[in-house]
PDB file of N, CA and C in Angstrom:
ATOM      1  N   MET A   1       6.400   5.719 -26.312  1.00  0.00           N
ATOM      2  CA  MET A   1       5.557   4.830 -25.544  1.00  0.00           C
ATOM      3  C   MET A   1       4.272   5.576 -25.190  1.00  0.00           C
ATOM      4  N   GLY A   2       3.146   4.964 -25.452  1.00  0.00           N
ATOM      5  CA  GLY A   2       1.859   5.594 -25.202  1.00  0.00           C
ATOM      6  C   GLY A   2       1.492   5.597 -23.732  1.00  0.00           C
ATOM      7  N   PRO A   3       0.433   6.303 -23.416  1.00  0.00           N
ATOM      8  CA  PRO A   3       0.018   6.383 -22.008  1.00  0.00           C
ATOM      9  C   PRO A   3      -0.481   5.049 -21.462  1.00  0.00           C
ATOM     10  N   HIS A   4      -0.932   4.158 -22.335  1.00  0.00           N
ATOM     11  CA  HIS A   4      -1.440   2.856 -21.884  1.00  0.00           C
ATOM     12  C   HIS A   4      -0.605   1.756 -22.502  1.00  0.00           C
ATOM     13  N   SER A   5       0.572   1.578 -21.977  1.00  0.00           N
ATOM     14  CA  SER A   5       1.484   0.571 -22.489  1.00  0.00           C
ATOM     15  C   SER A   5       1.508  -0.628 -21.546  1.00  0.00           C
ATOM     16  N   LEU A   6       2.265  -1.621 -21.956  1.00  0.00           N
ATOM     17  CA  LEU A   6       2.427  -2.799 -21.113  1.00  0.00           C
ATOM     18  C   LEU A   6       3.116  -2.447 -19.797  1.00  0.00           C
ATOM     19  N   ALA A   7       4.047  -1.491 -19.846  1.00  0.00           N
ATOM     20  CA  ALA A   7       4.734  -1.065 -18.627  1.00  0.00           C
ATOM     21  C   ALA A   7       3.764  -0.406 -17.649  1.00  0.00           C
ATOM     22  N   THR A   8       2.813   0.355 -18.182  1.00  0.00           N
ATOM     23  CA  THR A   8       1.807   0.987 -17.323  1.00  0.00           C
ATOM     24  C   THR A   8       0.956  -0.067 -16.635  1.00  0.00           C
ATOM     25  N   ALA A   9       0.504  -1.056 -17.389  1.00  0.00           N
ATOM     26  CA  ALA A   9      -0.320  -2.120 -16.805  1.00  0.00           C
ATOM     27  C   ALA A   9       0.461  -2.900 -15.761  1.00  0.00           C
ATOM     28  N   SER A  10       1.717  -3.212 -16.070  1.00  0.00           N
ATOM     29  CA  SER A  10       2.546  -3.961 -15.123  1.00  0.00           C
ATOM     30  C   SER A  10       2.769  -3.170 -13.838  1.00  0.00           C
ATOM     31  N   GLY A  11       3.035  -1.889 -13.985  1.00  0.00           N
ATOM     32  CA  GLY A  11       3.230  -1.044 -12.815  1.00  0.00           C
ATOM     33  C   GLY A  11       1.989  -0.950 -11.953  1.00  0.00           C
ATOM     34  N   LEU A  12       0.832  -0.836 -12.606  1.00  0.00           N
ATOM     35  CA  LEU A  12      -0.424  -0.792 -11.854  1.00  0.00           C
ATOM     36  C   LEU A  12      -0.680  -2.102 -11.129  1.00  0.00           C
ATOM     37  N   LEU A  13      -0.432  -3.222 -11.803  1.00  0.00           N
ATOM     38  CA  LEU A  13      -0.632  -4.526 -11.168  1.00  0.00           C
ATOM     39  C   LEU A  13       0.283  -4.696  -9.962  1.00  0.00           C
ATOM     40  N   LEU A  14       1.567  -4.419 -10.150  1.00  0.00           N
ATOM     41  CA  LEU A  14       2.527  -4.591  -9.053  1.00  0.00           C
ATOM     42  C   LEU A  14       2.295  -3.599  -7.921  1.00  0.00           C
ATOM     43  N   GLY A  15       2.022  -2.354  -8.275  1.00  0.00           N
ATOM     44  CA  GLY A  15       1.808  -1.333  -7.247  1.00  0.00           C
ATOM     45  C   GLY A  15       0.572  -1.585  -6.408  1.00  0.00           C
ATOM     46  N   THR A  16      -0.517  -1.937  -7.057  1.00  0.00           N
ATOM     47  CA  THR A  16      -1.764  -2.191  -6.333  1.00  0.00           C
ATOM     48  C   THR A  16      -1.650  -3.437  -5.464  1.00  0.00           C
ATOM     49  N   THR A  17      -1.061  -4.497  -6.011  1.00  0.00           N
ATOM     50  CA  THR A  17      -0.888  -5.721  -5.224  1.00  0.00           C
ATOM     51  C   THR A  17       0.046  -5.482  -4.040  1.00  0.00           C
ATOM     52  N   GLY A  18       1.138  -4.772  -4.286  1.00  0.00           N
ATOM     53  CA  GLY A  18       2.076  -4.470  -3.198  1.00  0.00           C
ATOM     54  C   GLY A  18       1.462  -3.618  -2.113  1.00  0.00           C
ATOM     55  N   ALA A  19       0.700  -2.609  -2.515  1.00  0.00           N
ATOM     56  CA  ALA A  19       0.042  -1.749  -1.520  1.00  0.00           C
ATOM     57  C   ALA A  19      -0.975  -2.535  -0.707  1.00  0.00           C
ATOM     58  N   SER A  20      -1.683  -3.422  -1.360  1.00  0.00           N
ATOM     59  CA  SER A  20      -2.665  -4.241  -0.658  1.00  0.00           C
ATOM     60  C   SER A  20      -1.977  -5.198   0.315  1.00  0.00           C
ATOM     61  N   MET A  21      -0.859  -5.777  -0.110  1.00  0.00           N
ATOM     62  CA  MET A  21      -0.119  -6.676   0.775  1.00  0.00           C
ATOM     63  C   MET A  21       0.455  -5.927   1.970  1.00  0.00           C
ATOM     64  N   LEU A  22       0.967  -4.731   1.735  1.00  0.00           N
ATOM     65  CA  LEU A  22       1.504  -3.915   2.827  1.00  0.00           C
ATOM     66  C   LEU A  22       0.404  -3.547   3.815  1.00  0.00           C
ATOM     67  N   THR A  23      -0.736  -3.145   3.294  1.00  0.00           N
ATOM     68  CA  THR A  23      -1.868  -2.812   4.169  1.00  0.00           C
ATOM     69  C   THR A  23      -2.315  -4.028   4.966  1.00  0.00           C
ATOM     70  N   GLY A  24      -2.407  -5.173   4.303  1.00  0.00           N
ATOM     71  CA  GLY A  24      -2.787  -6.404   5.006  1.00  0.00           C
ATOM     72  C   GLY A  24      -1.793  -6.777   6.085  1.00  0.00           C
ATOM     73  N   ALA A  25      -0.491  -6.620   5.782  1.00  0.00           N
ATOM     74  CA  ALA A  25       0.535  -6.946   6.776  1.00  0.00           C
ATOM     75  C   ALA A  25       0.460  -6.011   7.976  1.00  0.00           C
ATOM     76  N   LEU A  26       0.203  -4.726   7.726  1.00  0.00           N
ATOM     77  CA  LEU A  26       0.091  -3.773   8.843  1.00  0.00           C
ATOM     78  C   LEU A  26      -1.136  -4.062   9.702  1.00  0.00           C
ATOM     79  N   VAL A  27      -2.256  -4.362   9.061  1.00  0.00           N
ATOM     80  CA  VAL A  27      -3.463  -4.706   9.822  1.00  0.00           C
ATOM     81  C   VAL A  27      -3.234  -6.010  10.583  1.00  0.00           C
ATOM     82  N   GLY A  28      -2.609  -6.982   9.927  1.00  0.00           N
ATOM     83  CA  GLY A  28      -2.313  -8.247  10.595  1.00  0.00           C
ATOM     84  C   GLY A  28      -1.351  -8.074  11.754  1.00  0.00           C
ATOM     85  N   TRP A  29      -0.343  -7.211  11.578  1.00  0.00           N
ATOM     86  CA  TRP A  29       0.607  -6.943  12.653  1.00  0.00           C
ATOM     87  C   TRP A  29      -0.110  -6.330  13.850  1.00  0.00           C
ATOM     88  N   ALA A  30      -1.037  -5.407  13.586  1.00  0.00           N
ATOM     89  CA  ALA A  30      -1.797  -4.784  14.668  1.00  0.00           C
ATOM     90  C   ALA A  30      -2.688  -5.810  15.370  1.00  0.00           C
ATOM     91  N   ALA A  31      -3.125  -6.824  14.617  1.00  0.00           N
ATOM     92  CA  ALA A  31      -3.993  -7.853  15.195  1.00  0.00           C
ATOM     93  C   ALA A  31      -3.188  -9.024  15.774  1.00  0.00           C
ATOM     94  N   GLY A  32      -1.868  -9.012  15.575  1.00  0.00           N
ATOM     95  CA  GLY A  32      -1.043 -10.043  16.175  1.00  0.00           C
ATOM     96  C   GLY A  32      -0.546 -11.114  15.221  1.00  0.00           C
ATOM     97  N   GLY A  33      -0.810 -11.002  13.928  1.00  0.00           N
ATOM     98  CA  GLY A  33      -0.336 -12.023  12.986  1.00  0.00           C
ATOM     99  C   GLY A  33      -0.073 -11.419  11.620  1.00  0.00           C
ATOM    100  N   TRP A  34       1.131 -10.850  11.433  1.00  0.00           N
ATOM    101  CA  TRP A  34       1.404 -10.136  10.189  1.00  0.00           C
ATOM    102  C   TRP A  34       1.433 -11.069   8.984  1.00  0.00           C
ATOM    103  N   GLY A  35       1.811 -12.337   9.182  1.00  0.00           N
ATOM    104  CA  GLY A  35       1.869 -13.287   8.070  1.00  0.00           C
ATOM    105  C   GLY A  35       0.507 -13.555   7.465  1.00  0.00           C
ATOM    106  N   ILE A  36      -0.474 -13.726   8.327  1.00  0.00           N
ATOM    107  CA  ILE A  36      -1.846 -13.945   7.854  1.00  0.00           C
ATOM    108  C   ILE A  36      -2.361 -12.685   7.174  1.00  0.00           C
ATOM    109  N   GLY A  37      -2.046 -11.538   7.729  1.00  0.00           N
ATOM    110  CA  GLY A  37      -2.457 -10.283   7.104  1.00  0.00           C
ATOM    111  C   GLY A  37      -1.837 -10.094   5.730  1.00  0.00           C
ATOM    112  N   LEU A  38      -0.572 -10.486   5.587  1.00  0.00           N
ATOM    113  CA  LEU A  38       0.105 -10.409   4.300  1.00  0.00           C
ATOM    114  C   LEU A  38      -0.572 -11.324   3.285  1.00  0.00           C
ATOM    115  N   LEU A  39      -0.911 -12.518   3.700  1.00  0.00           N
ATOM    116  CA  LEU A  39      -1.591 -13.462   2.818  1.00  0.00           C
ATOM    117  C   LEU A  39      -2.962 -12.946   2.403  1.00  0.00           C
ATOM    118  N   ILE A  40      -3.716 -12.434   3.345  1.00  0.00           N
ATOM    119  CA  ILE A  40      -5.040 -11.896   3.023  1.00  0.00           C
ATOM    120  C   ILE A  40      -4.909 -10.673   2.116  1.00  0.00           C
ATOM    121  N   GLY A  41      -3.906  -9.853   2.360  1.00  0.00           N
ATOM    122  CA  GLY A  41      -3.662  -8.705   1.492  1.00  0.00           C
ATOM    123  C   GLY A  41      -3.361  -9.121   0.071  1.00  0.00           C
ATOM    124  N   ALA A  42      -2.591 -10.199  -0.102  1.00  0.00           N
ATOM    125  CA  ALA A  42      -2.288 -10.700  -1.443  1.00  0.00           C
ATOM    126  C   ALA A  42      -3.532 -11.261  -2.117  1.00  0.00           C
ATOM    127  N   ILE A  43      -4.339 -11.985  -1.358  1.00  0.00           N
ATOM    128  CA  ILE A  43      -5.565 -12.568  -1.920  1.00  0.00           C
ATOM    129  C   ILE A  43      -6.527 -11.470  -2.355  1.00  0.00           C
ATOM    130  N   VAL A  44      -6.635 -10.417  -1.576  1.00  0.00           N
ATOM    131  CA  VAL A  44      -7.509  -9.295  -1.931  1.00  0.00           C
ATOM    132  C   VAL A  44      -6.869  -8.446  -3.027  1.00  0.00           C
ATOM    133  N   GLY A  45      -5.555  -8.319  -2.993  1.00  0.00           N
ATOM    134  CA  GLY A  45      -4.851  -7.426  -3.910  1.00  0.00           C
ATOM    135  C   GLY A  45      -4.845  -7.870  -5.356  1.00  0.00           C
ATOM    136  N   ILE A  46      -4.837  -9.163  -5.608  1.00  0.00           N
ATOM    137  CA  ILE A  46      -4.772  -9.640  -6.993  1.00  0.00           C
ATOM    138  C   ILE A  46      -6.015  -9.236  -7.781  1.00  0.00           C
ATOM    139  N   PRO A  47      -7.227  -9.560  -7.319  1.00  0.00           N
ATOM    140  CA  PRO A  47      -8.391  -9.098  -8.092  1.00  0.00           C
ATOM    141  C   PRO A  47      -8.546  -7.576  -8.067  1.00  0.00           C
ATOM    142  N   LEU A  48      -8.126  -6.941  -6.979  1.00  0.00           N
ATOM    143  CA  LEU A  48      -8.190  -5.483  -6.912  1.00  0.00           C
ATOM    144  C   LEU A  48      -7.296  -4.847  -7.970  1.00  0.00           C
ATOM    145  N   SER A  49      -6.099  -5.384  -8.157  1.00  0.00           N
ATOM    146  CA  SER A  49      -5.195  -4.826  -9.161  1.00  0.00           C
ATOM    147  C   SER A  49      -5.711  -5.046 -10.575  1.00  0.00           C
ATOM    148  N   VAL A  50      -6.338  -6.174 -10.828  1.00  0.00           N
ATOM    149  CA  VAL A  50      -6.944  -6.413 -12.142  1.00  0.00           C
ATOM    150  C   VAL A  50      -8.061  -5.403 -12.381  1.00  0.00           C
ATOM    151  N   PHE A  51      -8.857  -5.129 -11.360  1.00  0.00           N
ATOM    152  CA  PHE A  51      -9.929  -4.141 -11.479  1.00  0.00           C
ATOM    153  C   PHE A  51      -9.371  -2.749 -11.754  1.00  0.00           C
ATOM    154  N   VAL A  52      -8.275  -2.379 -11.085  1.00  0.00           N
ATOM    155  CA  VAL A  52      -7.670  -1.064 -11.302  1.00  0.00           C
ATOM    156  C   VAL A  52      -7.183  -0.926 -12.741  1.00  0.00           C
ATOM    157  N   VAL A  53      -6.509  -1.954 -13.254  1.00  0.00           N
ATOM    158  CA  VAL A  53      -6.048  -1.903 -14.646  1.00  0.00           C
ATOM    159  C   VAL A  53      -7.233  -1.815 -15.594  1.00  0.00           C
ATOM    160  N   TYR A  54      -8.269  -2.567 -15.328  1.00  0.00           N
ATOM    161  CA  TYR A  54      -9.477  -2.526 -16.161  1.00  0.00           C
ATOM    162  C   TYR A  54     -10.065  -1.116 -16.185  1.00  0.00           C
ATOM    163  N   LYS A  55     -10.173  -0.494 -15.006  1.00  0.00           N
ATOM    164  CA  LYS A  55     -10.753   0.855 -14.940  1.00  0.00           C
ATOM    165  C   LYS A  55      -9.885   1.884 -15.668  1.00  0.00           C
ATOM    166  N   VAL A  56      -8.569   1.761 -15.558  1.00  0.00           N
ATOM    167  CA  VAL A  56      -7.678   2.702 -16.232  1.00  0.00           C
ATOM    168  C   VAL A  56      -7.775   2.552 -17.747  1.00  0.00           C
ATOM    169  N   TYR A  57      -7.794   1.321 -18.211  1.00  0.00           N
ATOM    170  CA  TYR A  57      -7.797   1.086 -19.650  1.00  0.00           C
ATOM    171  C   TYR A  57      -9.168   1.291 -20.292  1.00  0.00           C
ATOM    172  N   THR A  58     -10.231   1.303 -19.521  1.00  0.00           N
ATOM    173  CA  THR A  58     -11.557   1.535 -20.094  1.00  0.00           C
ATOM    174  C   THR A  58     -12.083   2.932 -19.754  1.00  0.00           C
ATOM    175  N   SER A  59     -11.226   3.776 -19.197  1.00  0.00           N
ATOM    176  CA  SER A  59     -11.675   5.121 -18.854  1.00  0.00           C
ATOM    177  C   SER A  59     -11.938   5.941 -20.117  1.00  0.00           C
ATOM    178  N   GLY A  60     -12.701   6.988 -19.976  1.00  0.00           N
ATOM    179  CA  GLY A  60     -13.051   7.825 -21.109  1.00  0.00           C
ATOM    180  C   GLY A  60     -11.886   8.589 -21.688  1.00  0.00           C
ATOM    181  N   GLY A  61     -10.798   8.759 -20.934  1.00  0.00           N
ATOM    182  CA  GLY A  61      -9.665   9.519 -21.395  1.00  0.00           C
ATOM    183  C   GLY A  61      -8.647   8.712 -22.191  1.00  0.00           C
ATOM    184  N   ALA A  62      -8.961   7.463 -22.479  1.00  0.00           N
ATOM    185  CA  ALA A  62      -8.012   6.627 -23.213  1.00  0.00           C
ATOM    186  C   ALA A  62      -7.864   7.113 -24.640  1.00  0.00           C
ATOM    187  N   THR A  63      -6.610   7.166 -25.085  1.00  0.00           N
ATOM    188  CA  THR A  63      -6.342   7.606 -26.454  1.00  0.00           C
ATOM    189  C   THR A  63      -5.674   6.472 -27.215  1.00  0.00           C
ATOM    190  N   ALA A  64      -5.870   6.473 -28.510  1.00  0.00           N
ATOM    191  CA  ALA A  64      -5.291   5.390 -29.330  1.00  0.00           C
ATOM    192  C   ALA A  64      -3.945   5.785 -29.875  1.00  0.00           C
TER     193      ALA A  64
END
């Protein structure tokens, strides 16, 4: 399996989205509404995770 496989992309998507949701939930919990924070984290996390995968796959260190 190469360094840029489907599993790598899936892991980056899930990890980035999950981290964003966790951060949103913690910020929301501190502000008094963890559910809204979780939702905002998911909304921010989806495009963020796509951007992370894009940056990894278009980096200069990519090998064929």
